[in-house]
Amino acid sequence: SILLGLGQGQSRLYRVNGVSLWVVFLACRVVTIPVWWAQFSQHVTSD
């Protein structure tokens, strides 16, 4: 958002950052969803 706001939307840094955002977002916010629930399920069926 900062790079876009400063008019650097065509820079190499913007491109590298965009791909990095996609990879990190996938790793820490999407892939973790089934992992979280699979591990948490052991507590749902107990007291």
ModelCIF file with pLDDT and N, C-alpha, C, O atoms, coordinates in Angstrom:
data_MODEL
#
_entry.id   MODEL 
#
_entity.id                         1 
_entity.type                       polymer 
_entity.pdbx_number_of_molecules   1 
#
_entity_poly.entity_id                      1 
_entity_poly.type                           'polypeptide(L)' 
_entity_poly.nstd_linkage                   no 
_entity_poly.nstd_monomer                   no 
_entity_poly.pdbx_seq_one_letter_code       SILLGLGQGQSRLYRVNGVSLWVVFLACRVVTIPVWWAQFSQHVTSD 
_entity_poly.pdbx_seq_one_letter_code_can   SILLGLGQGQSRLYRVNGVSLWVVFLACRVVTIPVWWAQFSQHVTSD 
_entity_poly.pdbx_strand_id                 A 
#
loop_
_entity_poly_seq.entity_id 
_entity_poly_seq.num 
_entity_poly_seq.mon_id 
_entity_poly_seq.hetero 
1 1  SER n 
1 2  ILE n 
1 3  LEU n 
1 4  LEU n 
1 5  GLY n 
1 6  LEU n 
1 7  GLY n 
1 8  GLN n 
1 9  GLY n 
1 10 GLN n 
1 11 SER n 
1 12 ARG n 
1 13 LEU n 
1 14 TYR n 
1 15 ARG n 
1 16 VAL n 
1 17 ASN n 
1 18 GLY n 
1 19 VAL n 
1 20 SER n 
1 21 LEU n 
1 22 TRP n 
1 23 VAL n 
1 24 VAL n 
1 25 PHE n 
1 26 LEU n 
1 27 ALA n 
1 28 CYS n 
1 29 ARG n 
1 30 VAL n 
1 31 VAL n 
1 32 THR n 
1 33 ILE n 
1 34 PRO n 
1 35 VAL n 
1 36 TRP n 
1 37 TRP n 
1 38 ALA n 
1 39 GLN n 
1 40 PHE n 
1 41 SER n 
1 42 GLN n 
1 43 HIS n 
1 44 VAL n 
1 45 THR n 
1 46 SER n 
1 47 ASP n 
#
_struct_asym.id          A 
_struct_asym.entity_id   1 
#
loop_
_ma_qa_metric.id 
_ma_qa_metric.mode 
_ma_qa_metric.name 
_ma_qa_metric.software_group_id 
_ma_qa_metric.type 
1 global pLDDT . pLDDT 
2 local  pLDDT . pLDDT 
#
_ma_qa_metric_global.metric_id      1 
_ma_qa_metric_global.metric_value   93.47 
_ma_qa_metric_global.model_id       1 
_ma_qa_metric_global.ordinal_id     1 
#
loop_
_ma_qa_metric_local.label_asym_id 
_ma_qa_metric_local.label_comp_id 
_ma_qa_metric_local.label_seq_id 
_ma_qa_metric_local.metric_id 
_ma_qa_metric_local.metric_value 
_ma_qa_metric_local.model_id 
_ma_qa_metric_local.ordinal_id 
A SER 1  2 95.00 1 1  
A ILE 2  2 97.00 1 2  
A LEU 3  2 96.00 1 3  
A LEU 4  2 94.00 1 4  
A GLY 5  2 95.00 1 5  
A LEU 6  2 96.00 1 6  
A GLY 7  2 93.00 1 7  
A GLN 8  2 92.00 1 8  
A GLY 9  2 88.00 1 9  
A GLN 10 2 86.00 1 10 
A SER 11 2 89.00 1 11 
A ARG 12 2 90.00 1 12 
A LEU 13 2 93.00 1 13 
A TYR 14 2 91.00 1 14 
A ARG 15 2 89.00 1 15 
A VAL 16 2 92.00 1 16 
A ASN 17 2 94.00 1 17 
A GLY 18 2 91.00 1 18 
A VAL 19 2 91.00 1 19 
A SER 20 2 95.00 1 20 
A LEU 21 2 95.00 1 21 
A TRP 22 2 95.00 1 22 
A VAL 23 2 96.00 1 23 
A VAL 24 2 97.00 1 24 
A PHE 25 2 97.00 1 25 
A LEU 26 2 97.00 1 26 
A ALA 27 2 97.00 1 27 
A CYS 28 2 96.00 1 28 
A ARG 29 2 97.00 1 29 
A VAL 30 2 97.00 1 30 
A VAL 31 2 97.00 1 31 
A THR 32 2 97.00 1 32 
A ILE 33 2 97.00 1 33 
A PRO 34 2 97.00 1 34 
A VAL 35 2 96.00 1 35 
A TRP 36 2 97.00 1 36 
A TRP 37 2 96.00 1 37 
A ALA 38 2 95.00 1 38 
A GLN 39 2 95.00 1 39 
A PHE 40 2 95.00 1 40 
A SER 41 2 93.00 1 41 
A GLN 42 2 90.00 1 42 
A HIS 43 2 93.00 1 43 
A VAL 44 2 90.00 1 44 
A THR 45 2 83.00 1 45 
A SER 46 2 85.00 1 46 
A ASP 47 2 86.00 1 47 
#
loop_
_atom_site.group_PDB 
_atom_site.id 
_atom_site.type_symbol 
_atom_site.label_atom_id 
_atom_site.label_alt_id 
_atom_site.label_comp_id 
_atom_site.label_asym_id 
_atom_site.label_entity_id 
_atom_site.label_seq_id 
_atom_site.pdbx_PDB_ins_code 
_atom_site.Cartn_x 
_atom_site.Cartn_y 
_atom_site.Cartn_z 
_atom_site.occupancy 
_atom_site.B_iso_or_equiv 
_atom_site.pdbx_formal_charge 
_atom_site.auth_seq_id 
_atom_site.auth_comp_id 
_atom_site.auth_asym_id 
_atom_site.auth_atom_id 
_atom_site.pdbx_PDB_model_num 
ATOM 1   N N  . SER A 1 1  ? 0.831   -1.207  0.000   1.00 95.00 ? 1  SER A N  1 
ATOM 2   C CA . SER A 1 1  ? 0.000   0.000   0.000   1.00 95.00 ? 1  SER A CA 1 
ATOM 3   C C  . SER A 1 1  ? 0.868   1.261   0.000   1.00 95.00 ? 1  SER A C  1 
ATOM 4   O O  . SER A 1 1  ? 0.543   2.244   -0.665  1.00 95.00 ? 1  SER A O  1 
ATOM 5   N N  . ILE A 1 2  ? 1.963   1.223   0.744   1.00 97.00 ? 2  ILE A N  1 
ATOM 6   C CA . ILE A 1 2  ? 2.863   2.380   0.805   1.00 97.00 ? 2  ILE A CA 1 
ATOM 7   C C  . ILE A 1 2  ? 3.492   2.641   -0.559  1.00 97.00 ? 2  ILE A C  1 
ATOM 8   O O  . ILE A 1 2  ? 3.527   3.782   -1.019  1.00 97.00 ? 2  ILE A O  1 
ATOM 9   N N  . LEU A 1 3  ? 3.988   1.586   -1.207  1.00 96.00 ? 3  LEU A N  1 
ATOM 10  C CA . LEU A 1 3  ? 4.616   1.744   -2.514  1.00 96.00 ? 3  LEU A CA 1 
ATOM 11  C C  . LEU A 1 3  ? 3.623   2.277   -3.545  1.00 96.00 ? 3  LEU A C  1 
ATOM 12  O O  . LEU A 1 3  ? 3.957   3.143   -4.354  1.00 96.00 ? 3  LEU A O  1 
ATOM 13  N N  . LEU A 1 4  ? 2.397   1.748   -3.508  1.00 94.00 ? 4  LEU A N  1 
ATOM 14  C CA . LEU A 1 4  ? 1.373   2.245   -4.423  1.00 94.00 ? 4  LEU A CA 1 
ATOM 15  C C  . LEU A 1 4  ? 1.087   3.721   -4.170  1.00 94.00 ? 4  LEU A C  1 
ATOM 16  O O  . LEU A 1 4  ? 1.002   4.522   -5.101  1.00 94.00 ? 4  LEU A O  1 
ATOM 17  N N  . GLY A 1 5  ? 0.941   4.060   -2.901  1.00 95.00 ? 5  GLY A N  1 
ATOM 18  C CA . GLY A 1 5  ? 0.631   5.438   -2.537  1.00 95.00 ? 5  GLY A CA 1 
ATOM 19  C C  . GLY A 1 5  ? 1.717   6.418   -2.923  1.00 95.00 ? 5  GLY A C  1 
ATOM 20  O O  . GLY A 1 5  ? 1.443   7.589   -3.185  1.00 95.00 ? 5  GLY A O  1 
ATOM 21  N N  . LEU A 1 6  ? 2.961   5.937   -2.958  1.00 96.00 ? 6  LEU A N  1 
ATOM 22  C CA . LEU A 1 6  ? 4.093   6.797   -3.312  1.00 96.00 ? 6  LEU A CA 1 
ATOM 23  C C  . LEU A 1 6  ? 4.413   6.751   -4.810  1.00 96.00 ? 6  LEU A C  1 
ATOM 24  O O  . LEU A 1 6  ? 5.425   7.292   -5.255  1.00 96.00 ? 6  LEU A O  1 
ATOM 25  N N  . GLY A 1 7  ? 3.534   6.097   -5.580  1.00 93.00 ? 7  GLY A N  1 
ATOM 26  C CA . GLY A 1 7  ? 3.724   6.061   -7.021  1.00 93.00 ? 7  GLY A CA 1 
ATOM 27  C C  . GLY A 1 7  ? 4.770   5.099   -7.502  1.00 93.00 ? 7  GLY A C  1 
ATOM 28  O O  . GLY A 1 7  ? 5.325   5.282   -8.586  1.00 93.00 ? 7  GLY A O  1 
ATOM 29  N N  . GLN A 1 8  ? 5.061   4.064   -6.718  1.00 92.00 ? 8  GLN A N  1 
ATOM 30  C CA . GLN A 1 8  ? 6.090   3.096   -7.090  1.00 92.00 ? 8  GLN A CA 1 
ATOM 31  C C  . GLN A 1 8  ? 5.481   1.737   -7.456  1.00 92.00 ? 8  GLN A C  1 
ATOM 32  O O  . GLN A 1 8  ? 6.085   0.689   -7.226  1.00 92.00 ? 8  GLN A O  1 
ATOM 33  N N  . GLY A 1 9  ? 4.291   1.778   -8.023  1.00 88.00 ? 9  GLY A N  1 
ATOM 34  C CA . GLY A 1 9  ? 3.586   0.547   -8.383  1.00 88.00 ? 9  GLY A CA 1 
ATOM 35  C C  . GLY A 1 9  ? 4.204   -0.225  -9.527  1.00 88.00 ? 9  GLY A C  1 
ATOM 36  O O  . GLY A 1 9  ? 3.816   -1.365  -9.779  1.00 88.00 ? 9  GLY A O  1 
ATOM 37  N N  . GLN A 1 10 ? 5.162   0.371   -10.228 1.00 86.00 ? 10 GLN A N  1 
ATOM 38  C CA . GLN A 1 10 ? 5.816   -0.335  -11.330 1.00 86.00 ? 10 GLN A CA 1 
ATOM 39  C C  . GLN A 1 10 ? 7.255   -0.736  -10.985 1.00 86.00 ? 10 GLN A C  1 
ATOM 40  O O  . GLN A 1 10 ? 7.979   -1.235  -11.847 1.00 86.00 ? 10 GLN A O  1 
ATOM 41  N N  . SER A 1 11 ? 7.669   -0.522  -9.743  1.00 89.00 ? 11 SER A N  1 
ATOM 42  C CA . SER A 1 11 ? 9.052   -0.804  -9.364  1.00 89.00 ? 11 SER A CA 1 
ATOM 43  C C  . SER A 1 11 ? 9.286   -2.301  -9.154  1.00 89.00 ? 11 SER A C  1 
ATOM 44  O O  . SER A 1 11 ? 8.347   -3.071  -8.952  1.00 89.00 ? 11 SER A O  1 
ATOM 45  N N  . ARG A 1 12 ? 10.548  -2.691  -9.207  1.00 90.00 ? 12 ARG A N  1 
ATOM 46  C CA . ARG A 1 12 ? 10.900  -4.086  -8.955  1.00 90.00 ? 12 ARG A CA 1 
ATOM 47  C C  . ARG A 1 12 ? 10.558  -4.486  -7.529  1.00 90.00 ? 12 ARG A C  1 
ATOM 48  O O  . ARG A 1 12 ? 10.099  -5.600  -7.279  1.00 90.00 ? 12 ARG A O  1 
ATOM 49  N N  . LEU A 1 13 ? 10.785  -3.560  -6.589  1.00 93.00 ? 13 LEU A N  1 
ATOM 50  C CA . LEU A 1 13 ? 10.459  -3.837  -5.196  1.00 93.00 ? 13 LEU A CA 1 
ATOM 51  C C  . LEU A 1 13 ? 8.975   -4.149  -5.047  1.00 93.00 ? 13 LEU A C  1 
ATOM 52  O O  . LEU A 1 13 ? 8.604   -5.051  -4.296  1.00 93.00 ? 13 LEU A O  1 
ATOM 53  N N  . TYR A 1 14 ? 8.131   -3.415  -5.752  1.00 91.00 ? 14 TYR A N  1 
ATOM 54  C CA . TYR A 1 14 ? 6.691   -3.651  -5.680  1.00 91.00 ? 14 TYR A CA 1 
ATOM 55  C C  . TYR A 1 14 ? 6.353   -5.050  -6.196  1.00 91.00 ? 14 TYR A C  1 
ATOM 56  O O  . TYR A 1 14 ? 5.532   -5.750  -5.602  1.00 91.00 ? 14 TYR A O  1 
ATOM 57  N N  . ARG A 1 15 ? 6.982   -5.459  -7.299  1.00 89.00 ? 15 ARG A N  1 
ATOM 58  C CA . ARG A 1 15 ? 6.707   -6.785  -7.873  1.00 89.00 ? 15 ARG A CA 1 
ATOM 59  C C  . ARG A 1 15 ? 7.170   -7.894  -6.932  1.00 89.00 ? 15 ARG A C  1 
ATOM 60  O O  . ARG A 1 15 ? 6.435   -8.849  -6.681  1.00 89.00 ? 15 ARG A O  1 
ATOM 61  N N  . VAL A 1 16 ? 8.385   -7.764  -6.414  1.00 92.00 ? 16 VAL A N  1 
ATOM 62  C CA . VAL A 1 16 ? 8.913   -8.783  -5.498  1.00 92.00 ? 16 VAL A CA 1 
ATOM 63  C C  . VAL A 1 16 ? 8.071   -8.861  -4.233  1.00 92.00 ? 16 VAL A C  1 
ATOM 64  O O  . VAL A 1 16 ? 7.766   -9.945  -3.736  1.00 92.00 ? 16 VAL A O  1 
ATOM 65  N N  . ASN A 1 17 ? 7.703   -7.695  -3.724  1.00 94.00 ? 17 ASN A N  1 
ATOM 66  C CA . ASN A 1 17 ? 6.884   -7.653  -2.510  1.00 94.00 ? 17 ASN A CA 1 
ATOM 67  C C  . ASN A 1 17 ? 5.520   -8.291  -2.744  1.00 94.00 ? 17 ASN A C  1 
ATOM 68  O O  . ASN A 1 17 ? 4.994   -8.969  -1.862  1.00 94.00 ? 17 ASN A O  1 
ATOM 69  N N  . GLY A 1 18 ? 4.943   -8.078  -3.929  1.00 91.00 ? 18 GLY A N  1 
ATOM 70  C CA . GLY A 1 18 ? 3.631   -8.653  -4.234  1.00 91.00 ? 18 GLY A CA 1 
ATOM 71  C C  . GLY A 1 18 ? 3.650   -10.167 -4.236  1.00 91.00 ? 18 GLY A C  1 
ATOM 72  O O  . GLY A 1 18 ? 2.752   -10.804 -3.686  1.00 91.00 ? 18 GLY A O  1 
ATOM 73  N N  . VAL A 1 19 ? 4.671   -10.747 -4.853  1.00 91.00 ? 19 VAL A N  1 
ATOM 74  C CA . VAL A 1 19 ? 4.798   -12.212 -4.873  1.00 91.00 ? 19 VAL A CA 1 
ATOM 75  C C  . VAL A 1 19 ? 5.065   -12.728 -3.452  1.00 91.00 ? 19 VAL A C  1 
ATOM 76  O O  . VAL A 1 19 ? 4.523   -13.758 -3.050  1.00 91.00 ? 19 VAL A O  1 
ATOM 77  N N  . SER A 1 20 ? 5.897   -12.011 -2.701  1.00 95.00 ? 20 SER A N  1 
ATOM 78  C CA . SER A 1 20 ? 6.191   -12.406 -1.322  1.00 95.00 ? 20 SER A CA 1 
ATOM 79  C C  . SER A 1 20 ? 4.930   -12.365 -0.470  1.00 95.00 ? 20 SER A C  1 
ATOM 80  O O  . SER A 1 20 ? 4.703   -13.250 0.355   1.00 95.00 ? 20 SER A O  1 
ATOM 81  N N  . LEU A 1 21 ? 4.110   -11.338 -0.670  1.00 95.00 ? 21 LEU A N  1 
ATOM 82  C CA . LEU A 1 21 ? 2.844   -11.237 0.065   1.00 95.00 ? 21 LEU A CA 1 
ATOM 83  C C  . LEU A 1 21 ? 1.974   -12.449 -0.207  1.00 95.00 ? 21 LEU A C  1 
ATOM 84  O O  . LEU A 1 21 ? 1.403   -13.026 0.718   1.00 95.00 ? 21 LEU A O  1 
ATOM 85  N N  . TRP A 1 22 ? 1.869   -12.840 -1.472  1.00 95.00 ? 22 TRP A N  1 
ATOM 86  C CA . TRP A 1 22 ? 1.034   -13.991 -1.836  1.00 95.00 ? 22 TRP A CA 1 
ATOM 87  C C  . TRP A 1 22 ? 1.535   -15.267 -1.148  1.00 95.00 ? 22 TRP A C  1 
ATOM 88  O O  . TRP A 1 22 ? 0.741   -16.040 -0.612  1.00 95.00 ? 22 TRP A O  1 
ATOM 89  N N  . VAL A 1 23 ? 2.841   -15.478 -1.166  1.00 96.00 ? 23 VAL A N  1 
ATOM 90  C CA . VAL A 1 23 ? 3.427   -16.692 -0.586  1.00 96.00 ? 23 VAL A CA 1 
ATOM 91  C C  . VAL A 1 23 ? 3.237   -16.717 0.932   1.00 96.00 ? 23 VAL A C  1 
ATOM 92  O O  . VAL A 1 23 ? 2.805   -17.725 1.491   1.00 96.00 ? 23 VAL A O  1 
ATOM 93  N N  . VAL A 1 24 ? 3.562   -15.600 1.595   1.00 97.00 ? 24 VAL A N  1 
ATOM 94  C CA . VAL A 1 24 ? 3.473   -15.557 3.061   1.00 97.00 ? 24 VAL A CA 1 
ATOM 95  C C  . VAL A 1 24 ? 2.017   -15.618 3.516   1.00 97.00 ? 24 VAL A C  1 
ATOM 96  O O  . VAL A 1 24 ? 1.704   -16.286 4.502   1.00 97.00 ? 24 VAL A O  1 
ATOM 97  N N  . PHE A 1 25 ? 1.131   -14.931 2.811   1.00 97.00 ? 25 PHE A N  1 
ATOM 98  C CA . PHE A 1 25 ? -0.291  -14.970 3.158   1.00 97.00 ? 25 PHE A CA 1 
ATOM 99  C C  . PHE A 1 25 ? -0.817  -16.402 3.046   1.00 97.00 ? 25 PHE A C  1 
ATOM 100 O O  . PHE A 1 25 ? -1.543  -16.877 3.920   1.00 97.00 ? 25 PHE A O  1 
ATOM 101 N N  . LEU A 1 26 ? -0.447  -17.078 1.970   1.00 97.00 ? 26 LEU A N  1 
ATOM 102 C CA . LEU A 1 26 ? -0.857  -18.474 1.790   1.00 97.00 ? 26 LEU A CA 1 
ATOM 103 C C  . LEU A 1 26 ? -0.345  -19.339 2.937   1.00 97.00 ? 26 LEU A C  1 
ATOM 104 O O  . LEU A 1 26 ? -1.082  -20.159 3.484   1.00 97.00 ? 26 LEU A O  1 
ATOM 105 N N  . ALA A 1 27 ? 0.928   -19.149 3.298   1.00 97.00 ? 27 ALA A N  1 
ATOM 106 C CA . ALA A 1 27 ? 1.563   -20.002 4.304   1.00 97.00 ? 27 ALA A CA 1 
ATOM 107 C C  . ALA A 1 27 ? 0.998   -19.780 5.708   1.00 97.00 ? 27 ALA A C  1 
ATOM 108 O O  . ALA A 1 27 ? 0.766   -20.742 6.441   1.00 97.00 ? 27 ALA A O  1 
ATOM 109 N N  . CYS A 1 28 ? 0.776   -18.517 6.086   1.00 96.00 ? 28 CYS A N  1 
ATOM 110 C CA . CYS A 1 28 ? 0.432   -18.256 7.484   1.00 96.00 ? 28 CYS A CA 1 
ATOM 111 C C  . CYS A 1 28 ? -1.038  -17.970 7.731   1.00 96.00 ? 28 CYS A C  1 
ATOM 112 O O  . CYS A 1 28 ? -1.461  -17.899 8.885   1.00 96.00 ? 28 CYS A O  1 
ATOM 113 N N  . ARG A 1 29 ? -1.836  -17.804 6.667   1.00 97.00 ? 29 ARG A N  1 
ATOM 114 C CA . ARG A 1 29 ? -3.247  -17.505 6.878   1.00 97.00 ? 29 ARG A CA 1 
ATOM 115 C C  . ARG A 1 29 ? -4.205  -18.496 6.205   1.00 97.00 ? 29 ARG A C  1 
ATOM 116 O O  . ARG A 1 29 ? -5.375  -18.580 6.579   1.00 97.00 ? 29 ARG A O  1 
ATOM 117 N N  . VAL A 1 30 ? -3.710  -19.242 5.216   1.00 97.00 ? 30 VAL A N  1 
ATOM 118 C CA . VAL A 1 30 ? -4.589  -20.163 4.488   1.00 97.00 ? 30 VAL A CA 1 
ATOM 119 C C  . VAL A 1 30 ? -4.236  -21.620 4.778   1.00 97.00 ? 30 VAL A C  1 
ATOM 120 O O  . VAL A 1 30 ? -5.095  -22.403 5.182   1.00 97.00 ? 30 VAL A O  1 
ATOM 121 N N  . VAL A 1 31 ? -2.981  -21.977 4.572   1.00 97.00 ? 31 VAL A N  1 
ATOM 122 C CA . VAL A 1 31 ? -2.556  -23.362 4.831   1.00 97.00 ? 31 VAL A CA 1 
ATOM 123 C C  . VAL A 1 31 ? -2.776  -23.741 6.290   1.00 97.00 ? 31 VAL A C  1 
ATOM 124 O O  . VAL A 1 31 ? -3.041  -24.902 6.600   1.00 97.00 ? 31 VAL A O  1 
ATOM 125 N N  . THR A 1 32 ? -2.666  -22.766 7.180   1.00 97.00 ? 32 THR A N  1 
ATOM 126 C CA . THR A 1 32 ? -2.807  -23.047 8.616   1.00 97.00 ? 32 THR A CA 1 
ATOM 127 C C  . THR A 1 32 ? -4.249  -23.337 9.041   1.00 97.00 ? 32 THR A C  1 
ATOM 128 O O  . THR A 1 32 ? -4.474  -23.857 10.134  1.00 97.00 ? 32 THR A O  1 
ATOM 129 N N  . ILE A 1 33 ? -5.222  -23.010 8.196   1.00 97.00 ? 33 ILE A N  1 
ATOM 130 C CA . ILE A 1 33 ? -6.630  -23.222 8.589   1.00 97.00 ? 33 ILE A CA 1 
ATOM 131 C C  . ILE A 1 33 ? -6.915  -24.697 8.866   1.00 97.00 ? 33 ILE A C  1 
ATOM 132 O O  . ILE A 1 33 ? -7.363  -25.022 9.966   1.00 97.00 ? 33 ILE A O  1 
ATOM 133 N N  . PRO A 1 34 ? -6.675  -25.605 7.913   1.00 97.00 ? 34 PRO A N  1 
ATOM 134 C CA . PRO A 1 34 ? -6.940  -27.022 8.219   1.00 97.00 ? 34 PRO A CA 1 
ATOM 135 C C  . PRO A 1 34 ? -6.024  -27.583 9.296   1.00 97.00 ? 34 PRO A C  1 
ATOM 136 O O  . PRO A 1 34 ? -6.429  -28.455 10.064  1.00 97.00 ? 34 PRO A O  1 
ATOM 137 N N  . VAL A 1 35 ? -4.781  -27.084 9.357   1.00 96.00 ? 35 VAL A N  1 
ATOM 138 C CA . VAL A 1 35 ? -3.841  -27.541 10.386  1.00 96.00 ? 35 VAL A CA 1 
ATOM 139 C C  . VAL A 1 35 ? -4.389  -27.192 11.772  1.00 96.00 ? 35 VAL A C  1 
ATOM 140 O O  . VAL A 1 35 ? -4.381  -28.024 12.679  1.00 96.00 ? 35 VAL A O  1 
ATOM 141 N N  . TRP A 1 36 ? -4.860  -25.966 11.923  1.00 97.00 ? 36 TRP A N  1 
ATOM 142 C CA . TRP A 1 36 ? -5.399  -25.491 13.205  1.00 97.00 ? 36 TRP A CA 1 
ATOM 143 C C  . TRP A 1 36 ? -6.570  -26.361 13.644  1.00 97.00 ? 36 TRP A C  1 
ATOM 144 O O  . TRP A 1 36 ? -6.602  -26.842 14.776  1.00 97.00 ? 36 TRP A O  1 
ATOM 145 N N  . TRP A 1 37 ? -7.527  -26.560 12.752  1.00 96.00 ? 37 TRP A N  1 
ATOM 146 C CA . TRP A 1 37 ? -8.731  -27.299 13.128  1.00 96.00 ? 37 TRP A CA 1 
ATOM 147 C C  . TRP A 1 37 ? -8.448  -28.788 13.337  1.00 96.00 ? 37 TRP A C  1 
ATOM 148 O O  . TRP A 1 37 ? -9.066  -29.416 14.197  1.00 96.00 ? 37 TRP A O  1 
ATOM 149 N N  . ALA A 1 38 ? -7.534  -29.351 12.573  1.00 95.00 ? 38 ALA A N  1 
ATOM 150 C CA . ALA A 1 38 ? -7.189  -30.764 12.751  1.00 95.00 ? 38 ALA A CA 1 
ATOM 151 C C  . ALA A 1 38 ? -6.589  -31.003 14.127  1.00 95.00 ? 38 ALA A C  1 
ATOM 152 O O  . ALA A 1 38 ? -6.889  -32.011 14.768  1.00 95.00 ? 38 ALA A O  1 
ATOM 153 N N  . GLN A 1 39 ? -5.740  -30.081 14.589  1.00 95.00 ? 39 GLN A N  1 
ATOM 154 C CA . GLN A 1 39 ? -5.112  -30.243 15.896  1.00 95.00 ? 39 GLN A CA 1 
ATOM 155 C C  . GLN A 1 39 ? -6.060  -29.851 17.038  1.00 95.00 ? 39 GLN A C  1 
ATOM 156 O O  . GLN A 1 39 ? -5.992  -30.412 18.132  1.00 95.00 ? 39 GLN A O  1 
ATOM 157 N N  . PHE A 1 40 ? -6.931  -28.896 16.773  1.00 95.00 ? 40 PHE A N  1 
ATOM 158 C CA . PHE A 1 40 ? -7.852  -28.449 17.816  1.00 95.00 ? 40 PHE A CA 1 
ATOM 159 C C  . PHE A 1 40 ? -8.999  -29.427 18.042  1.00 95.00 ? 40 PHE A C  1 
ATOM 160 O O  . PHE A 1 40 ? -9.611  -29.422 19.110  1.00 95.00 ? 40 PHE A O  1 
ATOM 161 N N  . SER A 1 41 ? -9.293  -30.254 17.065  1.00 93.00 ? 41 SER A N  1 
ATOM 162 C CA . SER A 1 41 ? -10.460 -31.157 17.155  1.00 93.00 ? 41 SER A CA 1 
ATOM 163 C C  . SER A 1 41 ? -10.372 -32.112 18.341  1.00 93.00 ? 41 SER A C  1 
ATOM 164 O O  . SER A 1 41 ? -11.402 -32.558 18.847  1.00 93.00 ? 41 SER A O  1 
ATOM 165 N N  . GLN A 1 42 ? -9.154  -32.436 18.795  1.00 90.00 ? 42 GLN A N  1 
ATOM 166 C CA . GLN A 1 42 ? -9.013  -33.354 19.933  1.00 90.00 ? 42 GLN A CA 1 
ATOM 167 C C  . GLN A 1 42 ? -9.641  -32.781 21.196  1.00 90.00 ? 42 GLN A C  1 
ATOM 168 O O  . GLN A 1 42 ? -10.063 -33.531 22.076  1.00 90.00 ? 42 GLN A O  1 
ATOM 169 N N  . HIS A 1 43 ? -9.705  -31.439 21.292  1.00 93.00 ? 43 HIS A N  1 
ATOM 170 C CA . HIS A 1 43 ? -10.261 -30.810 22.483  1.00 93.00 ? 43 HIS A CA 1 
ATOM 171 C C  . HIS A 1 43 ? -11.776 -30.638 22.390  1.00 93.00 ? 43 HIS A C  1 
ATOM 172 O O  . HIS A 1 43 ? -12.459 -30.531 23.409  1.00 93.00 ? 43 HIS A O  1 
ATOM 173 N N  . VAL A 1 44 ? -12.290 -30.612 21.173  1.00 90.00 ? 44 VAL A N  1 
ATOM 174 C CA . VAL A 1 44 ? -13.734 -30.424 20.985  1.00 90.00 ? 44 VAL A CA 1 
ATOM 175 C C  . VAL A 1 44 ? -14.508 -31.625 21.504  1.00 90.00 ? 44 VAL A C  1 
ATOM 176 O O  . VAL A 1 44 ? -15.604 -31.474 22.044  1.00 90.00 ? 44 VAL A O  1 
ATOM 177 N N  . THR A 1 45 ? -13.948 -32.808 21.344  1.00 83.00 ? 45 THR A N  1 
ATOM 178 C CA . THR A 1 45 ? -14.643 -34.040 21.741  1.00 83.00 ? 45 THR A CA 1 
ATOM 179 C C  . THR A 1 45 ? -14.307 -34.479 23.168  1.00 83.00 ? 45 THR A C  1 
ATOM 180 O O  . THR A 1 45 ? -14.607 -35.606 23.562  1.00 83.00 ? 45 THR A O  1 
ATOM 181 N N  . SER A 1 46 ? -13.688 -33.589 23.933  1.00 85.00 ? 46 SER A N  1 
ATOM 182 C CA . SER A 1 46 ? -13.333 -33.922 25.320  1.00 85.00 ? 46 SER A CA 1 
ATOM 183 C C  . SER A 1 46 ? -13.907 -32.855 26.246  1.00 85.00 ? 46 SER A C  1 
ATOM 184 O O  . SER A 1 46 ? -14.655 -31.977 25.816  1.00 85.00 ? 46 SER A O  1 
ATOM 185 N N  . ASP A 1 47 ? -13.546 -32.947 27.515  1.00 86.00 ? 47 ASP A N  1 
ATOM 186 C CA . ASP A 1 47 ? -13.993 -31.946 28.486  1.00 86.00 ? 47 ASP A CA 1 
ATOM 187 C C  . ASP A 1 47 ? -12.952 -30.846 28.702  1.00 86.00 ? 47 ASP A C  1 
ATOM 188 O O  . ASP A 1 47 ? -13.178 -29.928 29.490  1.00 86.00 ? 47 ASP A O  1 
#
